[in-house]
Amino acid sequence: MATELKTTVTYEDTLGRLDIRLGRVVEVEVEPSAPKASYRLTVDFGKYGRRVSVGRFTGHPPGELLGRQVVGVLNFEPRQIGDVTSEVLILGVQVPGAASGEATVLTPAREARLGGKVF
């Protein structure tokens, strides 16, 4: 079912305030302390360092995520998920027919520079 679009906003007040960058998944582990099935991902953002993210990407086997380039928001406040502090939000899209919150990662169509800004 389609929903109405949200009101129009300016770039400067929204996307312009977010630091969205490209990273590469270098470690994937099941995160048993998360309230729902999740992975703990370690993502390399080049000169911005490695950051940990806990996300609901378990529809992918770990080997499918390992080495993949992903898009992450670096300037959200860290969030405690189970026993882990999730330092970056990896962007994803809801998987049709999957449990609420289960997602697939957003990836570039081509390899690009780690830490590259998304605009």
N, C-alpha and C. Protein backbone atom coordinates (compact mmCIF):
# COMPACT_ATOMS: atom_id res chain seq x y z
N MET A 1 0.84 -1.17 0.00
CA MET A 1 0.00 0.00 0.00
C MET A 1 0.90 1.24 0.00
N ALA A 2 0.67 2.13 -0.91
CA ALA A 2 1.46 3.37 -0.99
C ALA A 2 1.03 4.33 0.12
N THR A 3 2.00 5.08 0.60
CA THR A 3 1.70 6.11 1.59
C THR A 3 1.99 7.46 0.97
N GLU A 4 1.46 8.49 1.57
CA GLU A 4 1.69 9.84 1.08
C GLU A 4 3.14 10.23 1.27
N LEU A 5 3.66 11.04 0.36
CA LEU A 5 5.00 11.57 0.51
C LEU A 5 5.02 12.59 1.64
N LYS A 6 6.16 12.72 2.27
CA LYS A 6 6.31 13.72 3.34
C LYS A 6 6.46 15.10 2.70
N THR A 7 6.35 16.15 3.51
CA THR A 7 6.44 17.50 2.99
C THR A 7 7.84 17.79 2.44
N THR A 8 7.94 18.72 1.52
CA THR A 8 9.20 19.11 0.91
C THR A 8 10.09 19.81 1.94
N VAL A 9 11.38 19.48 1.92
CA VAL A 9 12.36 20.07 2.82
C VAL A 9 13.56 20.56 2.01
N THR A 10 14.41 21.34 2.64
CA THR A 10 15.61 21.80 1.93
C THR A 10 16.77 20.85 2.18
N TYR A 11 17.69 20.82 1.25
CA TYR A 11 18.90 20.00 1.37
C TYR A 11 19.67 20.39 2.63
N GLU A 12 19.84 21.69 2.84
CA GLU A 12 20.65 22.18 3.96
C GLU A 12 20.07 21.76 5.31
N ASP A 13 18.77 21.66 5.42
CA ASP A 13 18.13 21.29 6.68
C ASP A 13 18.04 19.78 6.89
N THR A 14 18.37 19.01 5.87
CA THR A 14 18.20 17.56 5.99
C THR A 14 19.49 16.84 5.59
N LEU A 15 19.58 16.42 4.35
CA LEU A 15 20.73 15.65 3.88
C LEU A 15 22.04 16.39 4.07
N GLY A 16 22.02 17.71 3.97
CA GLY A 16 23.21 18.51 4.15
C GLY A 16 23.77 18.45 5.57
N ARG A 17 22.98 18.03 6.53
CA ARG A 17 23.42 17.93 7.93
C ARG A 17 23.99 16.56 8.26
N LEU A 18 23.77 15.60 7.37
CA LEU A 18 24.23 14.24 7.63
C LEU A 18 25.57 13.98 6.96
N ASP A 19 26.43 13.22 7.64
CA ASP A 19 27.71 12.81 7.08
C ASP A 19 27.55 11.36 6.62
N ILE A 20 27.17 11.19 5.36
CA ILE A 20 26.91 9.86 4.80
C ILE A 20 28.10 9.49 3.92
N ARG A 21 28.72 8.35 4.22
CA ARG A 21 29.95 7.97 3.52
C ARG A 21 29.95 6.48 3.17
N LEU A 22 30.86 6.15 2.26
CA LEU A 22 31.00 4.78 1.78
C LEU A 22 32.04 4.04 2.60
N GLY A 23 31.69 2.83 3.00
CA GLY A 23 32.61 1.98 3.74
C GLY A 23 32.62 0.57 3.18
N ARG A 24 33.51 -0.25 3.73
CA ARG A 24 33.58 -1.66 3.34
C ARG A 24 33.48 -2.53 4.59
N VAL A 25 32.62 -3.53 4.54
CA VAL A 25 32.45 -4.46 5.66
C VAL A 25 33.71 -5.34 5.75
N VAL A 26 34.38 -5.28 6.90
CA VAL A 26 35.60 -6.07 7.09
C VAL A 26 35.42 -7.20 8.11
N GLU A 27 34.35 -7.14 8.90
CA GLU A 27 34.02 -8.23 9.83
C GLU A 27 32.52 -8.34 9.96
N VAL A 28 32.03 -9.57 10.05
CA VAL A 28 30.59 -9.83 10.26
C VAL A 28 30.46 -10.91 11.31
N GLU A 29 29.71 -10.63 12.37
CA GLU A 29 29.45 -11.62 13.41
C GLU A 29 28.00 -11.54 13.83
N VAL A 30 27.41 -12.67 14.19
CA VAL A 30 26.08 -12.67 14.78
C VAL A 30 26.20 -11.94 16.12
N GLU A 31 25.24 -11.06 16.41
CA GLU A 31 25.25 -10.34 17.69
C GLU A 31 24.18 -10.94 18.61
N PRO A 32 24.58 -11.87 19.49
CA PRO A 32 23.59 -12.57 20.32
C PRO A 32 22.89 -11.69 21.35
N SER A 33 23.48 -10.55 21.73
CA SER A 33 22.86 -9.71 22.76
C SER A 33 21.79 -8.77 22.20
N ALA A 34 21.68 -8.67 20.88
CA ALA A 34 20.66 -7.79 20.28
C ALA A 34 19.27 -8.36 20.54
N PRO A 35 18.26 -7.50 20.71
CA PRO A 35 16.91 -7.99 21.00
C PRO A 35 16.28 -8.78 19.85
N LYS A 36 16.69 -8.52 18.62
CA LYS A 36 16.22 -9.28 17.45
C LYS A 36 17.44 -9.75 16.68
N ALA A 37 17.27 -10.77 15.85
CA ALA A 37 18.39 -11.32 15.08
C ALA A 37 19.12 -10.20 14.33
N SER A 38 20.42 -10.08 14.61
CA SER A 38 21.22 -8.99 14.04
C SER A 38 22.66 -9.43 13.86
N TYR A 39 23.37 -8.68 13.02
CA TYR A 39 24.81 -8.85 12.87
C TYR A 39 25.51 -7.65 13.48
N ARG A 40 26.71 -7.90 13.98
CA ARG A 40 27.64 -6.82 14.35
C ARG A 40 28.62 -6.72 13.19
N LEU A 41 28.59 -5.59 12.51
CA LEU A 41 29.46 -5.35 11.36
C LEU A 41 30.57 -4.39 11.77
N THR A 42 31.78 -4.67 11.37
CA THR A 42 32.87 -3.70 11.47
C THR A 42 33.08 -3.19 10.05
N VAL A 43 33.01 -1.86 9.90
CA VAL A 43 33.05 -1.25 8.58
C VAL A 43 34.22 -0.28 8.52
N ASP A 44 35.02 -0.39 7.46
CA ASP A 44 36.17 0.48 7.24
C ASP A 44 35.73 1.66 6.37
N PHE A 45 35.84 2.87 6.92
CA PHE A 45 35.49 4.08 6.19
C PHE A 45 36.74 4.85 5.75
N GLY A 46 37.82 4.14 5.46
CA GLY A 46 39.04 4.78 4.99
C GLY A 46 39.61 5.72 6.04
N LYS A 47 39.88 6.98 5.67
CA LYS A 47 40.49 7.95 6.59
C LYS A 47 39.60 8.28 7.79
N TYR A 48 38.33 7.85 7.76
CA TYR A 48 37.41 8.08 8.88
C TYR A 48 37.40 6.92 9.86
N GLY A 49 38.21 5.93 9.60
CA GLY A 49 38.40 4.82 10.53
C GLY A 49 37.38 3.70 10.41
N ARG A 50 37.54 2.75 11.29
CA ARG A 50 36.63 1.60 11.36
C ARG A 50 35.58 1.88 12.42
N ARG A 51 34.36 1.53 12.10
CA ARG A 51 33.24 1.74 13.03
C ARG A 51 32.41 0.46 13.12
N VAL A 52 31.78 0.28 14.26
CA VAL A 52 30.92 -0.89 14.50
C VAL A 52 29.47 -0.49 14.30
N SER A 53 28.72 -1.38 13.67
CA SER A 53 27.28 -1.18 13.48
C SER A 53 26.56 -2.49 13.77
N VAL A 54 25.44 -2.39 14.47
CA VAL A 54 24.59 -3.56 14.68
C VAL A 54 23.36 -3.35 13.81
N GLY A 55 23.11 -4.31 12.92
CA GLY A 55 22.00 -4.15 11.99
C GLY A 55 21.31 -5.46 11.67
N ARG A 56 20.09 -5.33 11.20
CA ARG A 56 19.24 -6.49 10.91
C ARG A 56 19.36 -6.89 9.44
N PHE A 57 20.55 -7.36 9.08
CA PHE A 57 20.84 -7.77 7.71
C PHE A 57 21.00 -9.29 7.62
N THR A 58 20.35 -10.03 8.53
CA THR A 58 20.55 -11.46 8.65
C THR A 58 19.92 -12.28 7.53
N GLY A 59 19.23 -11.63 6.61
CA GLY A 59 18.75 -12.34 5.41
C GLY A 59 19.89 -12.65 4.47
N HIS A 60 21.04 -12.05 4.71
CA HIS A 60 22.26 -12.32 3.95
C HIS A 60 23.15 -13.23 4.79
N PRO A 61 23.76 -14.25 4.20
CA PRO A 61 24.76 -14.99 4.96
C PRO A 61 25.97 -14.08 5.21
N PRO A 62 26.69 -14.26 6.32
CA PRO A 62 27.82 -13.37 6.62
C PRO A 62 28.82 -13.21 5.48
N GLY A 63 29.12 -14.29 4.78
CA GLY A 63 30.09 -14.23 3.68
C GLY A 63 29.64 -13.34 2.54
N GLU A 64 28.35 -13.15 2.39
CA GLU A 64 27.83 -12.28 1.33
C GLU A 64 28.04 -10.81 1.68
N LEU A 65 28.08 -10.48 2.96
CA LEU A 65 28.29 -9.10 3.39
C LEU A 65 29.77 -8.76 3.51
N LEU A 66 30.58 -9.73 3.85
CA LEU A 66 32.01 -9.50 4.04
C LEU A 66 32.65 -9.00 2.75
N GLY A 67 33.31 -7.85 2.82
CA GLY A 67 33.96 -7.26 1.66
C GLY A 67 33.07 -6.35 0.84
N ARG A 68 31.80 -6.31 1.14
CA ARG A 68 30.86 -5.48 0.38
C ARG A 68 30.97 -4.02 0.78
N GLN A 69 30.86 -3.13 -0.20
CA GLN A 69 30.79 -1.71 0.10
C GLN A 69 29.36 -1.37 0.53
N VAL A 70 29.26 -0.52 1.57
CA VAL A 70 27.97 -0.14 2.13
C VAL A 70 27.96 1.36 2.40
N VAL A 71 26.77 1.89 2.62
CA VAL A 71 26.58 3.32 2.87
C VAL A 71 26.19 3.49 4.34
N GLY A 72 26.88 4.41 5.03
CA GLY A 72 26.61 4.61 6.44
C GLY A 72 26.54 6.07 6.83
N VAL A 73 25.73 6.36 7.86
CA VAL A 73 25.63 7.70 8.43
C VAL A 73 26.59 7.75 9.61
N LEU A 74 27.63 8.60 9.51
CA LEU A 74 28.67 8.64 10.53
C LEU A 74 28.37 9.59 11.67
N ASN A 75 27.47 10.53 11.51
CA ASN A 75 27.30 11.53 12.57
C ASN A 75 25.99 11.42 13.36
N PHE A 76 25.39 10.24 13.40
CA PHE A 76 24.31 10.00 14.36
C PHE A 76 24.94 9.66 15.71
N GLU A 77 24.22 9.95 16.79
CA GLU A 77 24.70 9.55 18.11
C GLU A 77 24.83 8.04 18.17
N PRO A 78 25.87 7.53 18.86
CA PRO A 78 25.96 6.07 19.04
C PRO A 78 24.72 5.56 19.76
N ARG A 79 24.37 4.31 19.49
CA ARG A 79 23.16 3.72 20.06
C ARG A 79 23.50 2.36 20.66
N GLN A 80 23.06 2.15 21.88
CA GLN A 80 23.30 0.89 22.55
C GLN A 80 22.30 -0.15 22.03
N ILE A 81 22.81 -1.25 21.50
CA ILE A 81 21.96 -2.35 21.04
C ILE A 81 22.49 -3.61 21.70
N GLY A 82 21.74 -4.11 22.65
CA GLY A 82 22.24 -5.23 23.45
C GLY A 82 23.47 -4.78 24.22
N ASP A 83 24.54 -5.56 24.11
CA ASP A 83 25.79 -5.25 24.81
C ASP A 83 26.75 -4.40 23.98
N VAL A 84 26.35 -4.03 22.77
CA VAL A 84 27.26 -3.36 21.83
C VAL A 84 26.81 -1.93 21.58
N THR A 85 27.77 -1.02 21.47
CA THR A 85 27.48 0.35 21.06
C THR A 85 27.61 0.41 19.55
N SER A 86 26.50 0.67 18.88
CA SER A 86 26.48 0.80 17.43
C SER A 86 26.86 2.24 17.10
N GLU A 87 28.00 2.41 16.41
CA GLU A 87 28.58 3.73 16.17
C GLU A 87 28.16 4.37 14.86
N VAL A 88 27.61 3.60 13.96
CA VAL A 88 27.26 4.09 12.63
C VAL A 88 25.99 3.38 12.17
N LEU A 89 25.12 4.09 11.48
CA LEU A 89 23.91 3.49 10.91
C LEU A 89 24.21 3.09 9.47
N ILE A 90 24.20 1.80 9.20
CA ILE A 90 24.35 1.32 7.83
C ILE A 90 22.97 1.36 7.19
N LEU A 91 22.88 2.03 6.04
CA LEU A 91 21.58 2.21 5.39
C LEU A 91 21.16 0.94 4.66
N GLY A 92 19.86 0.68 4.72
CA GLY A 92 19.30 -0.49 4.07
C GLY A 92 17.88 -0.24 3.63
N VAL A 93 17.32 -1.23 2.98
CA VAL A 93 15.94 -1.18 2.49
C VAL A 93 15.23 -2.42 3.00
N GLN A 94 14.00 -2.24 3.47
CA GLN A 94 13.19 -3.35 3.97
C GLN A 94 13.09 -4.46 2.92
N VAL A 95 13.25 -5.68 3.36
CA VAL A 95 13.11 -6.84 2.48
C VAL A 95 11.63 -7.21 2.39
N PRO A 96 11.05 -7.23 1.18
CA PRO A 96 9.63 -7.58 1.06
C PRO A 96 9.32 -8.95 1.67
N GLY A 97 8.28 -9.01 2.47
CA GLY A 97 7.85 -10.27 3.06
C GLY A 97 8.66 -10.71 4.27
N ALA A 98 9.71 -9.97 4.62
CA ALA A 98 10.54 -10.33 5.77
C ALA A 98 9.97 -9.68 7.03
N ALA A 99 10.48 -10.10 8.17
CA ALA A 99 10.06 -9.51 9.44
C ALA A 99 10.36 -8.02 9.43
N SER A 100 9.54 -7.26 10.14
CA SER A 100 9.72 -5.81 10.21
C SER A 100 11.14 -5.47 10.65
N GLY A 101 11.79 -4.60 9.90
CA GLY A 101 13.14 -4.17 10.22
C GLY A 101 14.22 -4.98 9.54
N GLU A 102 13.89 -6.13 8.99
CA GLU A 102 14.88 -6.94 8.28
C GLU A 102 15.18 -6.26 6.95
N ALA A 103 16.46 -6.03 6.66
CA ALA A 103 16.81 -5.19 5.52
C ALA A 103 17.93 -5.81 4.68
N THR A 104 18.09 -5.24 3.51
CA THR A 104 19.25 -5.51 2.66
C THR A 104 20.02 -4.20 2.57
N VAL A 105 21.35 -4.28 2.50
CA VAL A 105 22.19 -3.09 2.54
C VAL A 105 22.14 -2.32 1.22
N LEU A 106 22.30 -1.00 1.32
CA LEU A 106 22.46 -0.17 0.13
C LEU A 106 23.92 -0.22 -0.29
N THR A 107 24.16 -0.45 -1.56
CA THR A 107 25.53 -0.54 -2.07
C THR A 107 25.64 0.26 -3.36
N PRO A 108 26.85 0.74 -3.69
CA PRO A 108 27.02 1.46 -4.95
C PRO A 108 27.01 0.49 -6.13
N ALA A 109 26.66 0.99 -7.30
CA ALA A 109 26.66 0.17 -8.51
C ALA A 109 28.08 -0.17 -8.96
N ARG A 110 29.06 0.64 -8.54
CA ARG A 110 30.48 0.42 -8.83
C ARG A 110 31.29 0.58 -7.57
N GLU A 111 32.47 -0.02 -7.55
CA GLU A 111 33.41 0.20 -6.44
C GLU A 111 33.76 1.69 -6.42
N ALA A 112 33.87 2.25 -5.24
CA ALA A 112 34.23 3.65 -5.10
C ALA A 112 35.18 3.79 -3.91
N ARG A 113 35.73 4.98 -3.72
CA ARG A 113 36.71 5.25 -2.68
C ARG A 113 36.09 5.16 -1.30
N LEU A 114 36.74 4.41 -0.40
CA LEU A 114 36.27 4.31 0.98
C LEU A 114 36.31 5.69 1.62
N GLY A 115 35.25 6.03 2.33
CA GLY A 115 35.13 7.33 2.96
C GLY A 115 34.54 8.37 2.04
N GLY A 116 34.27 8.00 0.77
CA GLY A 116 33.68 8.94 -0.17
C GLY A 116 32.33 9.42 0.31
N LYS A 117 32.06 10.72 0.14
CA LYS A 117 30.82 11.33 0.60
C LYS A 117 29.67 10.96 -0.34
N VAL A 118 28.55 10.63 0.24
CA VAL A 118 27.33 10.34 -0.52
C VAL A 118 26.54 11.64 -0.62
N PHE A 119 26.10 11.97 -1.84
CA PHE A 119 25.34 13.20 -2.05
C PHE A 119 24.23 12.96 -3.03
